[in-house]
Amino acid sequence: VKVSYFFLLEMHVIKPSLLSTREDHAKQPNKLSKDKKSQSKVMDDDSPPQMSKQQKIAKLTSLFKTRVGNTSSGNISEKGGEDGEKVSLYIKEFEVDLEKLNKRFNCVRGVPFVVTVLVNCVLTNRSWLDVEGIFRVAALAQDIDTIKMQLEHGVLSFSHISNPHAPAAVLKLFFKQLPTPLIPSSLYEKFTSIDSIPYDENDKRISTLKSAISELPTINHTTLFYLITFLKVVSMHQQHNKMSISNIATIFGLSLLRRQSETVDTMLSYSDRAAVVESFLNDYFEIFSNELEEAAKCVHNNQHNNQNGHNHNHNHNNHNNEKEEVEEKKEKEFTEQQLISWLLWTDSERRAISKFPEERISWKKKEKSM
C-alpha cells in the first residue's frame, strides 16, 4: 500500500498539497510580506516545495492578473483565436539567440522587441534620464519578474511603472542572458585588441572598432548601434544621473562581450571589455558615422512628415560672431534630441507594433503546428 501510495504521489496523481491537513494550513497561512523591499517572494503553502518552470510561469501569470489585470494587448495569459480557441500569448523573449529572435515577427528596425520597448519606456518618461544611478541601483526582484512576464506576453503599455531602475535592470538582464553575446566570442579578440592601442593613436582605435563592427551579423550590428545610442543619451545626463561613461562601460562590458570559455579569473579581469564600451561612447560619432548618416535620414523624414511647411531659414550674415557660443550649445542640444527622436518609435512603427498581439496568436498557432 505504501509503495502504491508513493508511486501515485510521484506520478502526480495525488497532489502534494492534499497531504497537509486543515490544521497544517491553519498553522501555516499564506504569507505576503508587507515590506515593499521584500516583496520579491510570495509564499504559497498550497504549492509544491519545488515548482517546475511551467508552474512558476502559471503562478507569476496568476499574480500579475490580480495586480495589473487586462492591458491594451488583451488578457496576459491567453486570447481567443478566430475559431474561438484560447491561444497562449506567451513567447520566450529572454535567453534566446538573436538570430532566432530575428526570424520572428516582432523585431523593430532589426532590433529585438524587448530592447525597443524598454528603451521607449525610459525615454517617454524623459525625467528618468536624470535619475541617479539608473543602471547602477538595484531594482526589486518582483518588479523585474513582472516586467519580464509582461514582455513575454506581448504587453505594450508600461504606464503603471513608476520605478525607472526596473526597466533599466531588465534591459541589462536581456543582454546578460543572451546565450551568444551581442558581440560574438569569435570576434572577442578583435574588439578587445584596442585595449593595447595607445590613446594617442585614437584614429587607429576607431578604425579597428569600425572594422570589427562591420563583421557583426546584421541583427547584432543594428542592436549594438541602437543600444549604444541609448547609452550615449544616458551618458549625456551624467551630471544628474551620476552615470559616467566609465560607469556605463563597466556595467555593460561583461554582458556585451564574453570569451568562448570563462573562468572566475577572466571574469574578474574585465578592463579590456570595459575599454571597448568606453570607446563606443567616447568616440560614438566617429565609430558609428555610417550608421548615424542613415539614422539622420530617418529622423529628417519623420520630422518632415510631422512639421509640414515649417520654415527653419535663418539669416546668419550679421550674427555669426556674437552668437557663436549660443549656436554651439544649440547644436549639442539638437544632437541629443535627434538621437532621442531616432530611438523613439515612429507613428508607422507604433501602428505596426499595435498589431503584435494578433500576430502573436498567428505565430503561436504556426509554432504549434510545426
Protein backbone atom coordinates (compact mmCIF):
# COMPACT_ATOMS: atom_id res chain seq x y z
CA VAL A 1 0.00 0.00 0.00
CA LYS A 2 2.82 2.38 0.92
CA VAL A 3 4.62 1.65 -2.38
CA SER A 4 1.46 2.29 -4.38
CA TYR A 5 0.80 5.48 -2.41
CA PHE A 6 4.20 6.98 -3.10
CA PHE A 7 4.08 5.83 -6.73
CA LEU A 8 0.84 7.75 -7.23
CA LEU A 9 2.39 10.72 -5.47
CA GLU A 10 5.43 10.59 -7.75
CA MET A 11 3.22 10.37 -10.85
CA HIS A 12 1.29 13.46 -9.62
CA VAL A 13 -1.98 11.51 -9.39
CA ILE A 14 -2.08 12.59 -5.76
CA LYS A 15 -1.21 16.27 -5.35
CA PRO A 16 1.33 17.12 -2.63
CA SER A 17 -0.99 19.86 -1.39
CA LEU A 18 -3.54 17.19 -0.42
CA LEU A 19 -1.12 15.71 2.09
CA SER A 20 -1.46 18.61 4.51
CA THR A 21 -4.43 18.79 6.84
CA ARG A 22 -6.60 21.78 7.55
CA GLU A 23 -4.81 22.14 10.86
CA ASP A 24 -1.50 22.40 8.97
CA HIS A 25 -2.92 25.17 6.83
CA ALA A 26 -4.18 26.99 9.89
CA LYS A 27 -0.72 26.85 11.42
CA GLN A 28 0.99 27.97 8.20
CA PRO A 29 -1.25 30.52 6.42
CA ASN A 30 -0.34 32.11 3.12
CA LYS A 31 2.07 34.98 3.64
CA LEU A 32 2.67 38.16 1.66
CA SER A 33 5.34 40.48 3.04
CA LYS A 34 4.12 43.97 3.87
CA ASP A 35 7.52 45.47 3.29
CA LYS A 36 7.83 46.57 -0.35
CA LYS A 37 11.52 45.89 -0.30
CA SER A 38 10.93 42.21 0.45
CA GLN A 39 8.03 41.67 -1.94
CA SER A 40 10.17 39.65 -4.32
CA LYS A 41 8.86 36.38 -2.81
CA VAL A 42 5.26 35.25 -2.50
CA MET A 43 4.92 32.28 -0.17
CA ASP A 44 2.12 29.87 -1.04
CA ASP A 45 1.82 26.79 1.14
CA ASP A 46 -0.56 25.16 -1.34
CA SER A 47 2.23 24.92 -3.93
CA PRO A 48 4.74 22.08 -4.08
CA PRO A 49 8.10 22.94 -2.45
CA GLN A 50 9.85 22.73 -5.82
CA MET A 51 7.89 24.09 -8.77
CA SER A 52 8.65 23.32 -12.39
CA LYS A 53 9.29 26.15 -14.86
CA GLN A 54 5.72 25.80 -16.24
CA GLN A 55 4.28 26.03 -12.71
CA LYS A 56 6.35 29.13 -11.97
CA ILE A 57 5.08 30.77 -15.19
CA ALA A 58 1.46 29.92 -14.28
CA LYS A 59 1.97 31.26 -10.75
CA LEU A 60 3.52 34.53 -11.94
CA THR A 61 0.75 34.92 -14.52
CA SER A 62 -1.88 34.49 -11.82
CA LEU A 63 -0.09 37.02 -9.60
CA PHE A 64 0.20 39.51 -12.48
CA LYS A 65 -3.51 39.19 -13.34
CA THR A 66 -4.51 40.19 -9.80
CA ARG A 67 -2.23 43.26 -9.82
CA VAL A 68 -2.48 44.62 -13.36
CA GLY A 69 -5.42 42.87 -14.96
CA ASN A 70 -6.11 43.25 -18.65
CA THR A 71 -3.94 45.51 -20.79
CA SER A 72 -4.14 47.11 -24.19
CA SER A 73 -2.88 43.86 -25.69
CA GLY A 74 -5.66 41.77 -24.15
CA ASN A 75 -5.56 39.19 -21.40
CA ILE A 76 -1.98 38.48 -20.43
CA SER A 77 -2.24 34.69 -20.43
CA GLU A 78 -4.47 33.87 -23.35
CA LYS A 79 -6.62 35.30 -26.11
CA GLY A 80 -9.23 33.85 -28.40
CA GLY A 81 -8.26 32.94 -31.93
CA GLU A 82 -10.52 33.26 -34.97
CA ASP A 83 -12.12 29.90 -34.19
CA GLY A 84 -12.69 30.82 -30.54
CA GLU A 85 -9.83 28.62 -29.39
CA LYS A 86 -7.85 30.05 -26.49
CA VAL A 87 -4.25 30.67 -27.51
CA SER A 88 -1.47 31.48 -25.05
CA LEU A 89 0.26 34.77 -25.80
CA TYR A 90 3.45 33.64 -24.08
CA ILE A 91 6.58 33.67 -26.27
CA LYS A 92 10.01 33.31 -24.71
CA GLU A 93 11.97 36.51 -25.27
CA PHE A 94 14.85 36.06 -22.82
CA GLU A 95 17.73 33.57 -23.07
CA VAL A 96 17.08 33.28 -26.82
CA ASP A 97 19.74 33.75 -29.51
CA LEU A 98 19.46 36.95 -31.54
CA GLU A 99 19.34 35.02 -34.82
CA LYS A 100 16.26 33.17 -33.60
CA LEU A 101 14.66 36.43 -32.44
CA ASN A 102 15.43 37.94 -35.84
CA LYS A 103 13.20 35.35 -37.56
CA ARG A 104 10.18 36.40 -35.55
CA PHE A 105 7.52 38.98 -36.41
CA ASN A 106 8.34 41.38 -33.57
CA CYS A 107 11.72 42.89 -34.43
CA VAL A 108 11.58 46.67 -34.91
CA ARG A 109 14.27 48.06 -37.28
CA GLY A 110 16.09 44.76 -36.92
CA VAL A 111 16.25 45.19 -33.12
CA PRO A 112 14.56 42.74 -30.71
CA PHE A 113 11.15 43.83 -29.45
CA VAL A 114 12.27 43.70 -25.79
CA VAL A 115 15.10 46.20 -26.34
CA THR A 116 12.98 48.80 -28.16
CA VAL A 117 10.13 48.54 -25.63
CA LEU A 118 12.42 49.10 -22.63
CA VAL A 119 14.27 51.99 -24.27
CA ASN A 120 10.99 53.66 -25.25
CA CYS A 121 9.70 53.10 -21.71
CA VAL A 122 12.59 55.15 -20.30
CA LEU A 123 12.62 57.85 -22.97
CA THR A 124 8.88 58.55 -22.81
CA ASN A 125 9.48 59.40 -19.14
CA ARG A 126 12.22 61.89 -20.04
CA SER A 127 12.95 62.86 -16.41
CA TRP A 128 14.12 59.28 -15.78
CA LEU A 129 17.33 60.09 -17.66
CA ASP A 130 18.27 62.28 -14.67
CA VAL A 131 17.59 59.62 -12.02
CA GLU A 132 20.77 58.93 -10.08
CA GLY A 133 22.32 55.53 -10.78
CA ILE A 134 19.62 54.44 -13.24
CA PHE A 135 21.72 51.39 -14.24
CA ARG A 136 23.67 51.09 -11.01
CA VAL A 137 20.92 50.96 -8.36
CA ALA A 138 19.34 47.52 -7.98
CA ALA A 139 15.63 47.07 -8.74
CA LEU A 140 13.21 44.86 -6.81
CA ALA A 141 13.23 41.24 -7.98
CA GLN A 142 9.42 41.29 -8.11
CA ASP A 143 9.41 44.31 -10.45
CA ILE A 144 11.93 42.63 -12.74
CA ASP A 145 9.91 39.39 -12.85
CA THR A 146 6.69 41.29 -13.56
CA ILE A 147 8.17 43.25 -16.48
CA LYS A 148 9.70 40.07 -17.93
CA MET A 149 6.30 38.39 -17.63
CA GLN A 150 4.64 41.31 -19.44
CA LEU A 151 7.19 41.39 -22.24
CA GLU A 152 6.89 37.66 -22.87
CA HIS A 153 3.12 38.05 -23.15
CA GLY A 154 3.33 40.98 -25.58
CA VAL A 155 2.22 43.76 -23.22
CA LEU A 156 2.89 47.15 -24.81
CA SER A 157 1.72 49.59 -22.13
CA PHE A 158 4.08 50.33 -19.25
CA SER A 159 2.40 53.45 -17.91
CA HIS A 160 1.95 51.79 -14.50
CA ILE A 161 5.73 51.53 -13.94
CA SER A 162 6.96 54.17 -11.52
CA ASN A 163 10.48 52.89 -10.81
CA PRO A 164 12.99 53.67 -13.62
CA HIS A 165 15.52 51.20 -12.18
CA ALA A 166 13.20 48.30 -13.09
CA PRO A 167 13.17 48.65 -16.93
CA ALA A 168 16.88 49.56 -16.79
CA ALA A 169 17.60 46.35 -14.86
CA VAL A 170 15.57 44.24 -17.31
CA LEU A 171 17.49 45.76 -20.23
CA LYS A 172 20.79 44.74 -18.59
CA LEU A 173 19.37 41.28 -17.88
CA PHE A 174 18.30 40.77 -21.50
CA PHE A 175 21.88 41.16 -22.77
CA LYS A 176 23.37 39.24 -19.85
CA GLN A 177 21.13 36.23 -20.56
CA LEU A 178 21.79 36.03 -24.31
CA PRO A 179 23.16 32.51 -24.99
CA THR A 180 25.55 34.05 -27.53
CA PRO A 181 26.69 37.55 -26.53
CA LEU A 182 25.81 40.62 -28.59
CA ILE A 183 29.46 40.72 -29.69
CA PRO A 184 30.13 37.05 -30.53
CA SER A 185 33.03 35.27 -28.86
CA SER A 186 34.63 34.71 -32.29
CA LEU A 187 35.19 38.48 -32.53
CA TYR A 188 36.23 38.97 -28.90
CA GLU A 189 39.96 39.30 -29.63
CA LYS A 190 39.41 41.72 -32.50
CA PHE A 191 37.28 44.09 -30.41
CA THR A 192 39.39 43.94 -27.26
CA SER A 193 42.64 44.44 -29.20
CA ILE A 194 42.03 48.19 -28.91
CA ASP A 195 43.00 47.92 -25.23
CA SER A 196 46.61 47.52 -26.37
CA ILE A 197 46.48 50.54 -28.72
CA PRO A 198 47.67 53.78 -27.01
CA TYR A 199 45.12 56.56 -26.59
CA ASP A 200 47.33 58.94 -28.58
CA GLU A 201 46.67 56.65 -31.58
CA ASN A 202 42.94 57.19 -31.35
CA ASP A 203 42.41 57.10 -35.11
CA LYS A 204 43.77 53.55 -35.11
CA ARG A 205 41.48 52.59 -32.22
CA ILE A 206 38.47 53.96 -34.09
CA SER A 207 39.33 52.25 -37.39
CA THR A 208 39.91 48.94 -35.56
CA LEU A 209 36.45 49.10 -33.97
CA LYS A 210 34.75 50.18 -37.20
CA SER A 211 36.33 47.20 -38.95
CA ALA A 212 35.26 44.80 -36.18
CA ILE A 213 31.67 46.14 -36.18
CA SER A 214 31.41 45.55 -39.94
CA GLU A 215 31.94 41.82 -39.29
CA LEU A 216 28.97 41.52 -36.93
CA PRO A 217 25.82 39.66 -38.08
CA THR A 218 23.11 42.11 -39.18
CA ILE A 219 20.89 41.85 -36.09
CA ASN A 220 23.92 42.13 -33.77
CA HIS A 221 25.04 45.23 -35.68
CA THR A 222 21.66 47.00 -35.60
CA THR A 223 21.06 46.08 -31.95
CA LEU A 224 24.53 47.25 -30.90
CA PHE A 225 24.02 50.63 -32.59
CA TYR A 226 20.57 51.04 -31.03
CA LEU A 227 21.81 50.14 -27.53
CA ILE A 228 24.96 52.29 -27.68
CA THR A 229 22.90 55.23 -28.97
CA PHE A 230 20.65 54.92 -25.93
CA LEU A 231 23.63 54.62 -23.57
CA LYS A 232 25.17 57.69 -25.22
CA VAL A 233 22.00 59.66 -24.41
CA VAL A 234 22.12 58.39 -20.80
CA SER A 235 25.77 59.50 -20.51
CA MET A 236 24.81 63.00 -21.69
CA HIS A 237 22.92 63.35 -18.40
CA GLN A 238 25.79 62.20 -16.18
CA GLN A 239 25.82 65.50 -14.30
CA HIS A 240 22.46 64.47 -12.80
CA ASN A 241 22.32 60.67 -13.02
CA LYS A 242 25.98 60.15 -11.99
CA MET A 243 26.29 57.56 -14.77
CA SER A 244 29.64 58.47 -16.31
CA ILE A 245 30.89 56.78 -19.45
CA SER A 246 33.30 54.78 -17.29
CA ASN A 247 30.41 53.58 -15.07
CA ILE A 248 28.29 52.53 -18.04
CA ALA A 249 31.25 50.77 -19.69
CA THR A 250 31.95 48.74 -16.54
CA ILE A 251 28.29 47.74 -16.15
CA PHE A 252 27.73 46.67 -19.78
CA GLY A 253 31.21 45.41 -20.69
CA LEU A 254 30.76 41.95 -19.15
CA SER A 255 27.31 41.49 -20.71
CA LEU A 256 28.14 42.55 -24.26
CA LEU A 257 31.46 40.71 -24.63
CA ARG A 258 32.27 37.20 -23.39
CA ARG A 259 35.04 34.76 -24.15
CA GLN A 260 34.29 31.32 -25.55
CA SER A 261 35.06 29.85 -22.12
CA GLU A 262 35.07 31.94 -18.97
CA THR A 263 36.73 31.35 -15.61
CA VAL A 264 36.47 33.31 -12.38
CA ASP A 265 39.82 34.96 -13.17
CA THR A 266 38.83 36.02 -16.71
CA MET A 267 35.51 37.43 -15.50
CA LEU A 268 37.29 39.48 -12.84
CA SER A 269 39.67 40.94 -15.44
CA TYR A 270 37.12 42.94 -17.43
CA SER A 271 39.14 46.09 -18.17
CA ASP A 272 39.57 45.13 -21.84
CA ARG A 273 35.78 44.75 -22.31
CA ALA A 274 35.05 47.99 -20.48
CA ALA A 275 37.60 49.71 -22.75
CA VAL A 276 35.56 48.65 -25.81
CA VAL A 277 32.26 50.07 -24.49
CA GLU A 278 34.07 53.18 -23.27
CA SER A 279 35.45 53.77 -26.78
CA PHE A 280 31.98 53.22 -28.26
CA LEU A 281 30.68 56.08 -26.11
CA ASN A 282 33.68 58.43 -26.17
CA ASP A 283 34.09 58.20 -29.95
CA TYR A 284 30.44 57.47 -30.72
CA PHE A 285 30.04 59.96 -33.59
CA GLU A 286 33.22 58.76 -35.33
CA ILE A 287 32.77 54.99 -34.83
CA PHE A 288 29.12 54.98 -35.88
CA SER A 289 29.36 57.69 -38.53
CA ASN A 290 27.87 55.50 -41.28
CA GLU A 291 25.00 54.32 -39.11
CA LEU A 292 24.28 57.88 -37.97
CA GLU A 293 24.07 59.03 -41.58
CA GLU A 294 21.23 56.58 -42.19
CA ALA A 295 19.61 57.43 -38.85
CA ALA A 296 19.70 61.15 -39.70
CA LYS A 297 17.76 60.48 -42.91
CA CYS A 298 15.09 58.62 -40.93
CA VAL A 299 14.81 61.43 -38.40
CA HIS A 300 14.67 64.07 -41.13
CA ASN A 301 11.91 62.22 -42.97
CA ASN A 302 9.96 61.75 -39.76
CA GLN A 303 10.29 65.42 -38.81
CA HIS A 304 9.33 66.46 -42.33
CA ASN A 305 6.12 64.45 -42.04
CA ASN A 306 5.32 65.92 -38.61
CA GLN A 307 6.23 69.53 -39.41
CA ASN A 308 4.70 70.23 -42.81
CA GLY A 309 5.77 73.52 -44.23
CA HIS A 310 7.60 74.71 -41.10
CA ASN A 311 10.25 77.23 -42.12
CA HIS A 312 13.65 76.95 -40.43
CA ASN A 313 15.51 79.53 -42.54
CA HIS A 314 17.74 81.88 -40.54
CA ASN A 315 19.81 84.88 -41.55
CA HIS A 316 23.35 84.34 -40.19
CA ASN A 317 25.11 87.13 -42.12
CA ASN A 318 25.23 89.70 -39.30
CA HIS A 319 25.14 87.50 -36.20
CA ASN A 320 27.77 84.73 -36.63
CA ASN A 321 30.36 86.21 -34.26
CA GLU A 322 28.09 87.28 -31.41
CA LYS A 323 26.08 84.01 -31.39
CA GLU A 324 28.94 81.52 -31.70
CA GLU A 325 28.60 80.12 -28.14
CA VAL A 326 24.81 80.02 -28.31
CA GLU A 327 24.88 78.12 -31.60
CA GLU A 328 27.40 75.62 -30.21
CA LYS A 329 25.10 74.94 -27.24
CA LYS A 330 22.08 74.63 -29.54
CA GLU A 331 23.94 72.15 -31.73
CA LYS A 332 24.74 69.98 -28.69
CA GLU A 333 21.11 70.01 -27.57
CA PHE A 334 19.94 69.34 -31.11
CA THR A 335 22.26 66.31 -31.32
CA GLU A 336 20.80 64.76 -28.18
CA GLN A 337 17.24 65.50 -29.30
CA GLN A 338 17.96 63.96 -32.68
CA LEU A 339 19.29 60.80 -31.06
CA ILE A 340 16.20 60.54 -28.85
CA SER A 341 13.93 61.14 -31.85
CA TRP A 342 15.60 58.28 -33.67
CA LEU A 343 15.36 55.90 -30.69
CA LEU A 344 11.64 56.52 -30.19
CA TRP A 345 9.14 54.60 -32.30
CA THR A 346 7.75 56.44 -35.30
CA ASP A 347 3.97 56.65 -35.84
CA SER A 348 4.12 53.95 -38.51
CA GLU A 349 6.13 51.68 -36.18
CA ARG A 350 3.59 52.23 -33.40
CA ARG A 351 0.79 51.20 -35.76
CA ALA A 352 2.71 48.05 -36.70
CA ILE A 353 3.52 47.27 -33.06
CA SER A 354 -0.14 47.66 -32.05
CA LYS A 355 -0.88 44.59 -34.23
CA PHE A 356 1.66 42.42 -32.39
CA PRO A 357 -0.93 40.77 -30.08
CA GLU A 358 -2.86 39.39 -33.07
CA GLU A 359 0.40 38.40 -34.76
CA ARG A 360 1.43 36.56 -31.59
CA ILE A 361 -1.66 34.36 -31.95
CA SER A 362 -0.77 33.51 -35.58
CA TRP A 363 2.83 32.86 -34.58
CA LYS A 364 1.82 30.59 -31.70
CA LYS A 365 -0.51 28.58 -33.96
CA LYS A 366 2.22 28.25 -36.57
CA GLU A 367 4.71 27.23 -33.87
CA LYS A 368 2.22 24.66 -32.51
CA SER A 369 1.70 23.07 -35.93
CA MET A 370 5.44 22.70 -36.58
